[in-house]
Amino acid sequence: MEPRYHVRREDLDKLHRAAWWGKVPRKDLIVMLRDTDVNKMDKQKRTALHLASANGNSEVVKLLLDRQCQLNVLDNKNRTALTEAVQCQEDECALMLLEHGTDPNIPDEYGNTTLHYAIYNEDKLMAKVLLLHGAAIESKNKHDLTPLLLGVHEQKQQVVKFLIKKKANLNAFDRYGRTALILAVCCGSASLVSLLLEQNIDVSSQDLSGQTAREYAVSSHHNVICQLFSDYKEKRILKISSENSNPDNAVIDEITPKRIRDWPNTYTYTKALGEMVVQQESRSLTIAIIRPSIVGATWHKPFPGWVDNLNGPSRLIIAVCIGMKK
């Protein structure tokens, strides 16, 4: 993304020089505009409006707009005057062009729209103005980068936050199938990874090579980011556990390893669980420790529901503790 126009004086005629440098007195400029085609292009297919907008000559822009010049003319890079104003961070000129109806969604030769350039410049105010004037928040450039994906790729955290608040699609992906989360990991940005994990984002999404964001973190030895994924998983498990009074098998499969931790089997798990209950609750409650491995080796359940825990150890412990069984 080139920062500004490259202009040589010898390439410009009288009107285009006046538009670029803006040193012509207003009355002379008015006469010049009266006697000249205001939409005339230079060798780079740039109009006076392109040059004045790119260099921030708002007075010239205003005069050209008053003469009803064409707004959406494309230069040799397929850019409008508005694209140049945004790219060069000439906000006053950009605002005038938007108010006169210039289209903010015309892509340049790289597929970038005005919103892409505002995000690249980390210009949150301009991004807000563009969205208010109809800029497409999910437009993709030739690399299939949306403004959000571009912001993550360039590690522009403030405008990424802004786009998240504006409901940009967090699960959009680029030409390689990389989501915002994968891009954040590949950039090694722990702060962006943390920000994205706070949102409702698909952490299991794979790119075209079959890699997830966490797998990239592990293979790249991003230890801080790996810890963020571990913390995220733990919080998710706790949330699922608290919100599901009757969880399905998939939820149980995810929760169980966290609950059992390093205990290798039912025998040691129930032993540790019983000891923990005795330690924590023995002062105020009657304690019943029921360990399936001690009930007796049998091919049959002790009674219906034991294996599924419908009437198994947890229910029996609760029943004894509240005085329903002894």
C-alpha atoms as a PDB file:
ATOM      1  CA  MET A   1       0.000   0.000   0.000  1.00  0.00           C
ATOM      2  CA  GLU A   2       1.829   3.056  -1.273  1.00  0.00           C
ATOM      3  CA  PRO A   3       1.556   5.965   1.184  1.00  0.00           C
ATOM      4  CA  ARG A   4       1.029   8.808  -1.321  1.00  0.00           C
ATOM      5  CA  TYR A   5       1.052   9.759  -4.983  1.00  0.00           C
ATOM      6  CA  HIS A   6       4.435  10.170  -6.633  1.00  0.00           C
ATOM      7  CA  VAL A   7       4.137  13.395  -8.627  1.00  0.00           C
ATOM      8  CA  ARG A   8       6.585  15.042 -11.028  1.00  0.00           C
ATOM      9  CA  ARG A   9       5.911  18.634 -12.013  1.00  0.00           C
ATOM     10  CA  GLU A  10       6.788  18.045 -15.663  1.00  0.00           C
ATOM     11  CA  ASP A  11       4.051  15.401 -15.920  1.00  0.00           C
ATOM     12  CA  LEU A  12       1.282  17.836 -14.978  1.00  0.00           C
ATOM     13  CA  ASP A  13      -0.501  20.537 -16.942  1.00  0.00           C
ATOM     14  CA  LYS A  14      -1.517  23.879 -15.499  1.00  0.00           C
ATOM     15  CA  LEU A  15      -4.774  22.686 -13.899  1.00  0.00           C
ATOM     16  CA  HIS A  16      -3.262  19.558 -12.380  1.00  0.00           C
ATOM     17  CA  ARG A  17      -0.308  21.516 -10.971  1.00  0.00           C
ATOM     18  CA  ALA A  18      -2.747  23.944  -9.367  1.00  0.00           C
ATOM     19  CA  ALA A  19      -4.774  21.061  -7.938  1.00  0.00           C
ATOM     20  CA  TRP A  20      -1.685  19.355  -6.502  1.00  0.00           C
ATOM     21  CA  TRP A  21       0.203  22.324  -5.079  1.00  0.00           C
ATOM     22  CA  GLY A  22      -2.789  24.577  -4.471  1.00  0.00           C
ATOM     23  CA  LYS A  23      -0.773  27.778  -4.744  1.00  0.00           C
ATOM     24  CA  VAL A  24      -2.928  29.449  -7.379  1.00  0.00           C
ATOM     25  CA  PRO A  25      -5.046  32.374  -6.088  1.00  0.00           C
ATOM     26  CA  ARG A  26      -8.722  31.459  -5.797  1.00  0.00           C
ATOM     27  CA  LYS A  27      -9.893  33.913  -8.484  1.00  0.00           C
ATOM     28  CA  ASP A  28      -7.330  32.579 -10.970  1.00  0.00           C
ATOM     29  CA  LEU A  29      -8.341  29.029 -10.181  1.00  0.00           C
ATOM     30  CA  ILE A  30     -12.008  29.859 -10.780  1.00  0.00           C
ATOM     31  CA  VAL A  31     -11.130  31.273 -14.197  1.00  0.00           C
ATOM     32  CA  MET A  32      -8.995  28.218 -14.951  1.00  0.00           C
ATOM     33  CA  LEU A  33     -11.829  25.866 -14.058  1.00  0.00           C
ATOM     34  CA  ARG A  34     -14.239  27.843 -16.227  1.00  0.00           C
ATOM     35  CA  ASP A  35     -12.044  27.470 -19.302  1.00  0.00           C
ATOM     36  CA  THR A  36     -10.875  23.859 -18.753  1.00  0.00           C
ATOM     37  CA  ASP A  37     -12.384  20.370 -18.720  1.00  0.00           C
ATOM     38  CA  VAL A  38     -12.372  19.645 -14.975  1.00  0.00           C
ATOM     39  CA  ASN A  39     -12.368  15.883 -15.646  1.00  0.00           C
ATOM     40  CA  LYS A  40      -9.266  15.946 -17.836  1.00  0.00           C
ATOM     41  CA  MET A  41      -6.748  13.200 -16.941  1.00  0.00           C
ATOM     42  CA  ASP A  42      -2.956  13.277 -16.766  1.00  0.00           C
ATOM     43  CA  LYS A  43      -0.655  10.494 -17.972  1.00  0.00           C
ATOM     44  CA  GLN A  44      -1.534   8.404 -14.895  1.00  0.00           C
ATOM     45  CA  LYS A  45      -5.288   8.853 -15.583  1.00  0.00           C
ATOM     46  CA  ARG A  46      -5.566  11.180 -12.585  1.00  0.00           C
ATOM     47  CA  THR A  47      -8.029  14.060 -12.584  1.00  0.00           C
ATOM     48  CA  ALA A  48      -7.578  17.341 -10.739  1.00  0.00           C
ATOM     49  CA  LEU A  49      -9.907  15.906  -8.096  1.00  0.00           C
ATOM     50  CA  HIS A  50      -7.553  12.956  -7.536  1.00  0.00           C
ATOM     51  CA  LEU A  51      -4.548  15.227  -7.056  1.00  0.00           C
ATOM     52  CA  ALA A  52      -6.267  17.799  -4.855  1.00  0.00           C
ATOM     53  CA  SER A  53      -7.810  15.086  -2.654  1.00  0.00           C
ATOM     54  CA  ALA A  54      -4.546  13.173  -2.264  1.00  0.00           C
ATOM     55  CA  ASN A  55      -2.634  16.301  -1.228  1.00  0.00           C
ATOM     56  CA  GLY A  56      -5.311  17.701   1.068  1.00  0.00           C
ATOM     57  CA  ASN A  57      -6.135  20.844  -0.948  1.00  0.00           C
ATOM     58  CA  SER A  58      -9.670  21.093   0.363  1.00  0.00           C
ATOM     59  CA  GLU A  59     -10.336  24.505  -1.214  1.00  0.00           C
ATOM     60  CA  VAL A  60      -9.585  23.100  -4.680  1.00  0.00           C
ATOM     61  CA  VAL A  61     -11.706  20.023  -3.929  1.00  0.00           C
ATOM     62  CA  LYS A  62     -14.621  22.267  -2.963  1.00  0.00           C
ATOM     63  CA  LEU A  63     -14.320  24.301  -6.198  1.00  0.00           C
ATOM     64  CA  LEU A  64     -14.180  21.118  -8.279  1.00  0.00           C
ATOM     65  CA  LEU A  65     -17.241  19.708  -6.527  1.00  0.00           C
ATOM     66  CA  ASP A  66     -19.074  22.986  -7.102  1.00  0.00           C
ATOM     67  CA  ARG A  67     -18.317  22.569 -10.809  1.00  0.00           C
ATOM     68  CA  GLN A  68     -19.958  19.117 -10.594  1.00  0.00           C
ATOM     69  CA  CYS A  69     -16.850  17.176 -11.561  1.00  0.00           C
ATOM     70  CA  GLN A  70     -17.142  13.397 -11.915  1.00  0.00           C
ATOM     71  CA  LEU A  71     -16.701  11.694  -8.544  1.00  0.00           C
ATOM     72  CA  ASN A  72     -15.891   8.062  -9.307  1.00  0.00           C
ATOM     73  CA  VAL A  73     -13.277   8.419 -12.038  1.00  0.00           C
ATOM     74  CA  LEU A  74     -10.572   5.728 -11.753  1.00  0.00           C
ATOM     75  CA  ASP A  75      -6.842   6.391 -12.141  1.00  0.00           C
ATOM     76  CA  ASN A  76      -4.343   3.874 -13.490  1.00  0.00           C
ATOM     77  CA  LYS A  77      -4.441   1.971 -10.185  1.00  0.00           C
ATOM     78  CA  ASN A  78      -8.231   1.834 -10.277  1.00  0.00           C
ATOM     79  CA  ARG A  79      -8.548   4.328  -7.423  1.00  0.00           C
ATOM     80  CA  THR A  80     -11.069   7.095  -6.993  1.00  0.00           C
ATOM     81  CA  ALA A  81     -10.304  10.494  -5.494  1.00  0.00           C
ATOM     82  CA  LEU A  82     -11.955   9.245  -2.283  1.00  0.00           C
ATOM     83  CA  THR A  83      -9.649   6.225  -2.140  1.00  0.00           C
ATOM     84  CA  GLU A  84      -6.666   8.575  -2.437  1.00  0.00           C
ATOM     85  CA  ALA A  85      -7.982  10.939   0.223  1.00  0.00           C
ATOM     86  CA  VAL A  86      -8.490   8.066   2.679  1.00  0.00           C
ATOM     87  CA  GLN A  87      -5.183   6.409   1.820  1.00  0.00           C
ATOM     88  CA  CYS A  88      -3.316   9.700   2.296  1.00  0.00           C
ATOM     89  CA  GLN A  89      -5.315  10.465   5.468  1.00  0.00           C
ATOM     90  CA  GLU A  90      -6.792  13.706   4.121  1.00  0.00           C
ATOM     91  CA  ASP A  91      -9.940  13.386   6.197  1.00  0.00           C
ATOM     92  CA  GLU A  92     -11.478  16.775   5.339  1.00  0.00           C
ATOM     93  CA  CYS A  93     -11.320  16.037   1.618  1.00  0.00           C
ATOM     94  CA  ALA A  94     -12.640  12.516   2.164  1.00  0.00           C
ATOM     95  CA  LEU A  95     -15.615  13.802   4.124  1.00  0.00           C
ATOM     96  CA  MET A  96     -16.520  16.314   1.391  1.00  0.00           C
ATOM     97  CA  LEU A  97     -16.371  13.582  -1.230  1.00  0.00           C
ATOM     98  CA  LEU A  98     -18.565  11.262   0.847  1.00  0.00           C
ATOM     99  CA  GLU A  99     -21.120  14.002   1.436  1.00  0.00           C
ATOM    100  CA  HIS A 100     -21.332  14.524  -2.334  1.00  0.00           C
ATOM    101  CA  GLY A 101     -22.073  10.840  -2.881  1.00  0.00           C
ATOM    102  CA  THR A 102     -18.751   9.255  -3.828  1.00  0.00           C
ATOM    103  CA  ASP A 103     -18.921   5.436  -3.685  1.00  0.00           C
ATOM    104  CA  PRO A 104     -16.727   4.105  -0.828  1.00  0.00           C
ATOM    105  CA  ASN A 105     -16.838   0.502  -2.081  1.00  0.00           C
ATOM    106  CA  ILE A 106     -14.984   0.703  -5.400  1.00  0.00           C
ATOM    107  CA  PRO A 107     -11.979  -1.666  -5.143  1.00  0.00           C
ATOM    108  CA  ASP A 108      -8.590  -0.642  -6.499  1.00  0.00           C
ATOM    109  CA  GLU A 109      -6.233  -2.893  -8.466  1.00  0.00           C
ATOM    110  CA  TYR A 110      -5.416  -4.831  -5.285  1.00  0.00           C
ATOM    111  CA  GLY A 111      -9.067  -5.215  -4.331  1.00  0.00           C
ATOM    112  CA  ASN A 112      -8.722  -2.786  -1.431  1.00  0.00           C
ATOM    113  CA  THR A 113     -11.621  -0.466  -0.676  1.00  0.00           C
ATOM    114  CA  THR A 114     -11.553   2.790   1.272  1.00  0.00           C
ATOM    115  CA  LEU A 115     -12.301   0.852   4.471  1.00  0.00           C
ATOM    116  CA  HIS A 116      -9.235  -1.347   3.940  1.00  0.00           C
ATOM    117  CA  TYR A 117      -7.072   1.781   3.746  1.00  0.00           C
ATOM    118  CA  ALA A 118      -8.668   3.334   6.825  1.00  0.00           C
ATOM    119  CA  ILE A 119      -7.963   0.136   8.780  1.00  0.00           C
ATOM    120  CA  TYR A 120      -4.404  -0.051   7.438  1.00  0.00           C
ATOM    121  CA  ASN A 121      -3.857   3.536   8.629  1.00  0.00           C
ATOM    122  CA  GLU A 122      -5.484   2.642  11.978  1.00  0.00           C
ATOM    123  CA  ASP A 123      -7.822   5.596  11.410  1.00  0.00           C
ATOM    124  CA  LYS A 124     -10.793   4.640  13.559  1.00  0.00           C
ATOM    125  CA  LEU A 125     -12.617   7.933  13.009  1.00  0.00           C
ATOM    126  CA  MET A 126     -12.425   7.607   9.223  1.00  0.00           C
ATOM    127  CA  ALA A 127     -13.507   3.950   9.432  1.00  0.00           C
ATOM    128  CA  LYS A 128     -16.559   5.055  11.421  1.00  0.00           C
ATOM    129  CA  VAL A 129     -17.400   7.758   8.870  1.00  0.00           C
ATOM    130  CA  LEU A 130     -17.031   5.314   5.984  1.00  0.00           C
ATOM    131  CA  LEU A 131     -19.362   2.789   7.620  1.00  0.00           C
ATOM    132  CA  LEU A 132     -21.924   5.547   8.176  1.00  0.00           C
ATOM    133  CA  HIS A 133     -21.747   6.262   4.438  1.00  0.00           C
ATOM    134  CA  GLY A 134     -22.304   2.651   3.405  1.00  0.00           C
ATOM    135  CA  ALA A 135     -18.820   1.113   3.323  1.00  0.00           C
ATOM    136  CA  ALA A 136     -19.054  -2.692   3.192  1.00  0.00           C
ATOM    137  CA  ILE A 137     -17.561  -4.145   6.364  1.00  0.00           C
ATOM    138  CA  GLU A 138     -17.067  -7.608   4.801  1.00  0.00           C
ATOM    139  CA  SER A 139     -15.503  -6.535   1.486  1.00  0.00           C
ATOM    140  CA  LYS A 140     -12.537  -8.718   0.487  1.00  0.00           C
ATOM    141  CA  ASN A 141      -9.387  -7.713  -1.381  1.00  0.00           C
ATOM    142  CA  LYS A 142      -7.473  -9.937  -3.809  1.00  0.00           C
ATOM    143  CA  HIS A 143      -5.967 -11.879  -0.897  1.00  0.00           C
ATOM    144  CA  ASP A 144      -9.507 -12.429   0.449  1.00  0.00           C
ATOM    145  CA  LEU A 145      -8.724 -10.209   3.424  1.00  0.00           C
ATOM    146  CA  THR A 146     -11.694  -8.409   4.921  1.00  0.00           C
ATOM    147  CA  PRO A 147     -10.919  -5.148   6.762  1.00  0.00           C
ATOM    148  CA  LEU A 148     -10.936  -7.163  10.018  1.00  0.00           C
ATOM    149  CA  LEU A 149      -8.504  -9.772   8.675  1.00  0.00           C
ATOM    150  CA  LEU A 150      -6.271  -6.989   7.330  1.00  0.00           C
ATOM    151  CA  GLY A 151      -6.329  -5.285  10.729  1.00  0.00           C
ATOM    152  CA  VAL A 152      -5.310  -8.518  12.457  1.00  0.00           C
ATOM    153  CA  HIS A 153      -2.624  -9.249   9.848  1.00  0.00           C
ATOM    154  CA  GLU A 154      -1.155  -5.762  10.363  1.00  0.00           C
ATOM    155  CA  GLN A 155      -1.658  -5.980  14.169  1.00  0.00           C
ATOM    156  CA  LYS A 156      -3.810  -2.848  14.338  1.00  0.00           C
ATOM    157  CA  GLN A 157      -5.448  -3.675  17.657  1.00  0.00           C
ATOM    158  CA  GLN A 158      -7.516  -0.524  18.182  1.00  0.00           C
ATOM    159  CA  VAL A 159      -9.315  -0.745  14.841  1.00  0.00           C
ATOM    160  CA  VAL A 160      -9.721  -4.511  15.278  1.00  0.00           C
ATOM    161  CA  LYS A 161     -11.578  -3.769  18.523  1.00  0.00           C
ATOM    162  CA  PHE A 162     -13.666  -1.198  16.653  1.00  0.00           C
ATOM    163  CA  LEU A 163     -14.615  -3.657  13.896  1.00  0.00           C
ATOM    164  CA  ILE A 164     -15.517  -6.320  16.468  1.00  0.00           C
ATOM    165  CA  LYS A 165     -17.904  -3.837  18.090  1.00  0.00           C
ATOM    166  CA  LYS A 166     -19.357  -3.175  14.636  1.00  0.00           C
ATOM    167  CA  LYS A 167     -20.124  -6.929  14.320  1.00  0.00           C
ATOM    168  CA  ALA A 168     -17.524  -7.802  11.689  1.00  0.00           C
ATOM    169  CA  ASN A 169     -17.517 -11.516  10.883  1.00  0.00           C
ATOM    170  CA  LEU A 170     -14.969 -13.112  13.219  1.00  0.00           C
ATOM    171  CA  ASN A 171     -15.008 -16.399  11.309  1.00  0.00           C
ATOM    172  CA  ALA A 172     -14.230 -14.970   7.862  1.00  0.00           C
ATOM    173  CA  PHE A 173     -11.156 -16.504   6.249  1.00  0.00           C
ATOM    174  CA  ASP A 174      -8.565 -15.478   3.678  1.00  0.00           C
ATOM    175  CA  ARG A 175      -7.455 -17.275   0.499  1.00  0.00           C
ATOM    176  CA  TYR A 176      -5.530 -19.801   2.599  1.00  0.00           C
ATOM    177  CA  GLY A 177      -8.470 -20.519   4.892  1.00  0.00           C
ATOM    178  CA  ARG A 178      -6.944 -18.569   7.785  1.00  0.00           C
ATOM    179  CA  THR A 179      -9.348 -16.971  10.236  1.00  0.00           C
ATOM    180  CA  ALA A 180      -8.625 -13.876  12.327  1.00  0.00           C
ATOM    181  CA  LEU A 181      -7.566 -16.129  15.201  1.00  0.00           C
ATOM    182  CA  ILE A 182      -5.130 -18.110  13.054  1.00  0.00           C
ATOM    183  CA  LEU A 183      -3.672 -14.884  11.636  1.00  0.00           C
ATOM    184  CA  ALA A 184      -3.247 -13.459  15.141  1.00  0.00           C
ATOM    185  CA  VAL A 185      -1.353 -16.586  16.215  1.00  0.00           C
ATOM    186  CA  CYS A 186       0.812 -16.561  13.071  1.00  0.00           C
ATOM    187  CA  CYS A 187       1.681 -12.924  13.805  1.00  0.00           C
ATOM    188  CA  GLY A 188       2.632 -13.904  17.355  1.00  0.00           C
ATOM    189  CA  SER A 189       0.274 -11.305  18.834  1.00  0.00           C
ATOM    190  CA  ALA A 190      -0.822 -12.533  22.269  1.00  0.00           C
ATOM    191  CA  SER A 191      -2.908  -9.392  22.830  1.00  0.00           C
ATOM    192  CA  LEU A 192      -4.944  -9.979  19.656  1.00  0.00           C
ATOM    193  CA  VAL A 193      -5.349 -13.676  20.449  1.00  0.00           C
ATOM    194  CA  SER A 194      -6.614 -12.746  23.913  1.00  0.00           C
ATOM    195  CA  LEU A 195      -9.023 -10.190  22.420  1.00  0.00           C
ATOM    196  CA  LEU A 196     -10.411 -12.688  19.905  1.00  0.00           C
ATOM    197  CA  LEU A 197     -10.801 -15.467  22.484  1.00  0.00           C
ATOM    198  CA  GLU A 198     -13.059 -13.127  24.460  1.00  0.00           C
ATOM    199  CA  GLN A 199     -15.491 -13.180  21.528  1.00  0.00           C
ATOM    200  CA  ASN A 200     -17.817 -15.906  20.243  1.00  0.00           C
ATOM    201  CA  ILE A 201     -15.202 -17.316  17.879  1.00  0.00           C
ATOM    202  CA  ASP A 202     -14.637 -20.767  16.393  1.00  0.00           C
ATOM    203  CA  VAL A 203     -11.328 -21.952  17.897  1.00  0.00           C
ATOM    204  CA  SER A 204     -11.462 -25.295  16.064  1.00  0.00           C
ATOM    205  CA  SER A 205     -11.463 -23.807  12.552  1.00  0.00           C
ATOM    206  CA  GLN A 206      -8.754 -25.229  10.264  1.00  0.00           C
ATOM    207  CA  ASP A 207      -6.985 -23.526   7.373  1.00  0.00           C
ATOM    208  CA  LEU A 208      -6.377 -25.196   4.018  1.00  0.00           C
ATOM    209  CA  SER A 209      -3.388 -27.078   5.437  1.00  0.00           C
ATOM    210  CA  GLY A 210      -5.572 -28.569   8.184  1.00  0.00           C
ATOM    211  CA  GLN A 211      -4.003 -26.562  11.013  1.00  0.00           C
ATOM    212  CA  THR A 212      -5.922 -24.880  13.836  1.00  0.00           C
ATOM    213  CA  ALA A 213      -4.862 -21.700  15.616  1.00  0.00           C
ATOM    214  CA  ARG A 214      -3.758 -23.678  18.680  1.00  0.00           C
ATOM    215  CA  GLU A 215      -1.692 -26.046  16.547  1.00  0.00           C
ATOM    216  CA  TYR A 216       0.115 -23.087  15.008  1.00  0.00           C
ATOM    217  CA  ALA A 217       0.803 -21.744  18.488  1.00  0.00           C
ATOM    218  CA  VAL A 218       2.280 -25.082  19.591  1.00  0.00           C
ATOM    219  CA  SER A 219       4.400 -25.610  16.457  1.00  0.00           C
ATOM    220  CA  SER A 220       5.719 -22.033  16.655  1.00  0.00           C
ATOM    221  CA  HIS A 221       6.525 -22.365  20.379  1.00  0.00           C
ATOM    222  CA  HIS A 222       4.413 -19.339  21.287  1.00  0.00           C
ATOM    223  CA  ASN A 223       4.239 -20.336  24.952  1.00  0.00           C
ATOM    224  CA  VAL A 224       2.244 -17.300  26.086  1.00  0.00           C
ATOM    225  CA  ILE A 225      -0.359 -17.910  23.384  1.00  0.00           C
ATOM    226  CA  CYS A 226      -0.482 -21.638  24.215  1.00  0.00           C
ATOM    227  CA  GLN A 227      -1.291 -20.686  27.800  1.00  0.00           C
ATOM    228  CA  LEU A 228      -4.080 -18.408  26.546  1.00  0.00           C
ATOM    229  CA  PHE A 229      -5.646 -21.383  24.754  1.00  0.00           C
ATOM    230  CA  SER A 230      -5.324 -23.543  27.888  1.00  0.00           C
ATOM    231  CA  ASP A 231      -6.971 -20.844  30.008  1.00  0.00           C
ATOM    232  CA  TYR A 232      -9.717 -20.424  27.406  1.00  0.00           C
ATOM    233  CA  LYS A 233     -10.453 -24.162  27.398  1.00  0.00           C
ATOM    234  CA  GLU A 234     -10.581 -24.293  31.183  1.00  0.00           C
ATOM    235  CA  LYS A 235     -13.004 -21.363  31.354  1.00  0.00           C
ATOM    236  CA  ARG A 236     -15.160 -22.933  28.661  1.00  0.00           C
ATOM    237  CA  ILE A 237     -15.294 -26.249  30.522  1.00  0.00           C
ATOM    238  CA  LEU A 238     -16.299 -24.535  33.743  1.00  0.00           C
ATOM    239  CA  LYS A 239     -18.976 -22.562  31.895  1.00  0.00           C
ATOM    240  CA  ILE A 240     -20.365 -25.680  30.219  1.00  0.00           C
ATOM    241  CA  SER A 241     -20.311 -27.504  33.536  1.00  0.00           C
ATOM    242  CA  SER A 242     -22.230 -24.772  35.325  1.00  0.00           C
ATOM    243  CA  GLU A 243     -24.786 -24.270  32.532  1.00  0.00           C
ATOM    244  CA  ASN A 244     -25.603 -27.944  31.853  1.00  0.00           C
ATOM    245  CA  SER A 245     -27.548 -29.749  34.591  1.00  0.00           C
ATOM    246  CA  ASN A 246     -28.026 -32.719  32.239  1.00  0.00           C
ATOM    247  CA  PRO A 247     -25.052 -32.599  29.829  1.00  0.00           C
ATOM    248  CA  ASP A 248     -24.845 -34.782  26.732  1.00  0.00           C
ATOM    249  CA  ASN A 249     -22.026 -37.231  26.037  1.00  0.00           C
ATOM    250  CA  ALA A 250     -19.936 -34.683  24.106  1.00  0.00           C
ATOM    251  CA  VAL A 251     -19.998 -32.294  27.033  1.00  0.00           C
ATOM    252  CA  ILE A 252     -19.191 -35.096  29.487  1.00  0.00           C
ATOM    253  CA  ASP A 253     -16.239 -36.181  27.329  1.00  0.00           C
ATOM    254  CA  GLU A 254     -14.842 -32.663  27.517  1.00  0.00           C
ATOM    255  CA  ILE A 255     -15.484 -32.124  31.228  1.00  0.00           C
ATOM    256  CA  THR A 256     -14.323 -35.529  32.518  1.00  0.00           C
ATOM    257  CA  PRO A 257     -10.558 -35.139  31.857  1.00  0.00           C
ATOM    258  CA  LYS A 258     -10.629 -31.812  33.643  1.00  0.00           C
ATOM    259  CA  ARG A 259     -12.426 -33.270  36.626  1.00  0.00           C
ATOM    260  CA  ILE A 260     -10.374 -36.484  36.875  1.00  0.00           C
ATOM    261  CA  ARG A 261      -7.105 -34.669  36.086  1.00  0.00           C
ATOM    262  CA  ASP A 262      -4.138 -37.059  36.462  1.00  0.00           C
ATOM    263  CA  TRP A 263      -5.995 -39.858  38.270  1.00  0.00           C
ATOM    264  CA  PRO A 264      -5.557 -42.876  35.989  1.00  0.00           C
ATOM    265  CA  ASN A 265      -8.687 -44.907  36.738  1.00  0.00           C
ATOM    266  CA  THR A 266     -11.946 -45.178  38.621  1.00  0.00           C
ATOM    267  CA  TYR A 267     -10.364 -46.774  41.677  1.00  0.00           C
ATOM    268  CA  THR A 268      -7.905 -43.957  42.367  1.00  0.00           C
ATOM    269  CA  TYR A 269     -10.388 -41.311  41.299  1.00  0.00           C
ATOM    270  CA  THR A 270     -13.137 -42.414  43.681  1.00  0.00           C
ATOM    271  CA  LYS A 271     -10.597 -42.870  46.457  1.00  0.00           C
ATOM    272  CA  ALA A 272      -9.318 -39.319  45.961  1.00  0.00           C
ATOM    273  CA  LEU A 273     -12.862 -38.008  45.649  1.00  0.00           C
ATOM    274  CA  GLY A 274     -13.910 -39.701  48.854  1.00  0.00           C
ATOM    275  CA  GLU A 275     -10.915 -38.370  50.738  1.00  0.00           C
ATOM    276  CA  MET A 276     -11.632 -34.870  49.464  1.00  0.00           C
ATOM    277  CA  VAL A 277     -15.262 -35.072  50.595  1.00  0.00           C
ATOM    278  CA  VAL A 278     -14.250 -36.323  54.055  1.00  0.00           C
ATOM    279  CA  GLN A 279     -11.706 -33.531  54.362  1.00  0.00           C
ATOM    280  CA  GLN A 280     -14.054 -30.768  53.319  1.00  0.00           C
ATOM    281  CA  GLU A 281     -17.433 -31.845  54.663  1.00  0.00           C
ATOM    282  CA  SER A 282     -16.940 -34.267  57.566  1.00  0.00           C
ATOM    283  CA  ARG A 283     -17.498 -31.658  60.265  1.00  0.00           C
ATOM    284  CA  SER A 284     -21.075 -30.913  59.270  1.00  0.00           C
ATOM    285  CA  LEU A 285     -22.428 -33.850  57.246  1.00  0.00           C
ATOM    286  CA  THR A 286     -22.759 -37.610  57.386  1.00  0.00           C
ATOM    287  CA  ILE A 287     -20.323 -39.048  54.843  1.00  0.00           C
ATOM    288  CA  ALA A 288     -20.859 -42.045  52.570  1.00  0.00           C
ATOM    289  CA  ILE A 289     -18.001 -43.196  50.372  1.00  0.00           C
ATOM    290  CA  ILE A 290     -19.098 -45.651  47.694  1.00  0.00           C
ATOM    291  CA  ARG A 291     -16.420 -46.932  45.340  1.00  0.00           C
ATOM    292  CA  PRO A 292     -17.611 -49.075  42.408  1.00  0.00           C
ATOM    293  CA  SER A 293     -14.472 -51.241  42.407  1.00  0.00           C
ATOM    294  CA  ILE A 294     -15.205 -52.322  45.976  1.00  0.00           C
ATOM    295  CA  VAL A 295     -18.873 -53.151  45.348  1.00  0.00           C
ATOM    296  CA  GLY A 296     -17.639 -56.348  43.735  1.00  0.00           C
ATOM    297  CA  ALA A 297     -16.434 -57.565  40.376  1.00  0.00           C
ATOM    298  CA  THR A 298     -19.517 -58.410  38.355  1.00  0.00           C
ATOM    299  CA  TRP A 299     -20.755 -58.308  34.784  1.00  0.00           C
ATOM    300  CA  HIS A 300     -23.983 -56.742  36.023  1.00  0.00           C
ATOM    301  CA  LYS A 301     -24.667 -53.297  37.353  1.00  0.00           C
ATOM    302  CA  PRO A 302     -25.328 -53.233  41.119  1.00  0.00           C
ATOM    303  CA  PHE A 303     -28.737 -51.778  40.225  1.00  0.00           C
ATOM    304  CA  PRO A 304     -30.271 -49.925  37.218  1.00  0.00           C
ATOM    305  CA  GLY A 305     -28.696 -46.572  36.373  1.00  0.00           C
ATOM    306  CA  TRP A 306     -25.367 -47.282  38.115  1.00  0.00           C
ATOM    307  CA  VAL A 307     -23.129 -46.963  35.028  1.00  0.00           C
ATOM    308  CA  ASP A 308     -24.900 -43.870  33.682  1.00  0.00           C
ATOM    309  CA  ASN A 309     -24.702 -42.324  37.161  1.00  0.00           C
ATOM    310  CA  LEU A 310     -28.475 -41.881  37.214  1.00  0.00           C
ATOM    311  CA  ASN A 311     -28.612 -43.884  40.433  1.00  0.00           C
ATOM    312  CA  GLY A 312     -24.885 -44.299  40.898  1.00  0.00           C
ATOM    313  CA  PRO A 313     -22.287 -43.087  43.392  1.00  0.00           C
ATOM    314  CA  SER A 314     -23.033 -39.360  43.137  1.00  0.00           C
ATOM    315  CA  ARG A 315     -26.764 -39.847  43.783  1.00  0.00           C
ATOM    316  CA  LEU A 316     -26.118 -42.251  46.653  1.00  0.00           C
ATOM    317  CA  ILE A 317     -23.669 -39.869  48.296  1.00  0.00           C
ATOM    318  CA  ILE A 318     -26.179 -37.044  48.041  1.00  0.00           C
ATOM    319  CA  ALA A 319     -28.991 -39.251  49.361  1.00  0.00           C
ATOM    320  CA  VAL A 320     -26.992 -40.299  52.436  1.00  0.00           C
ATOM    321  CA  CYS A 321     -25.785 -36.775  53.113  1.00  0.00           C
ATOM    322  CA  ILE A 322     -29.316 -35.378  53.166  1.00  0.00           C
ATOM    323  CA  GLY A 323     -30.565 -38.243  55.342  1.00  0.00           C
ATOM    324  CA  MET A 324     -32.568 -40.178  52.764  1.00  0.00           C
ATOM    325  CA  LYS A 325     -30.325 -43.255  53.018  1.00  0.00           C
ATOM    326  CA  LYS A 326     -28.043 -44.748  55.627  1.00  0.00           C
END
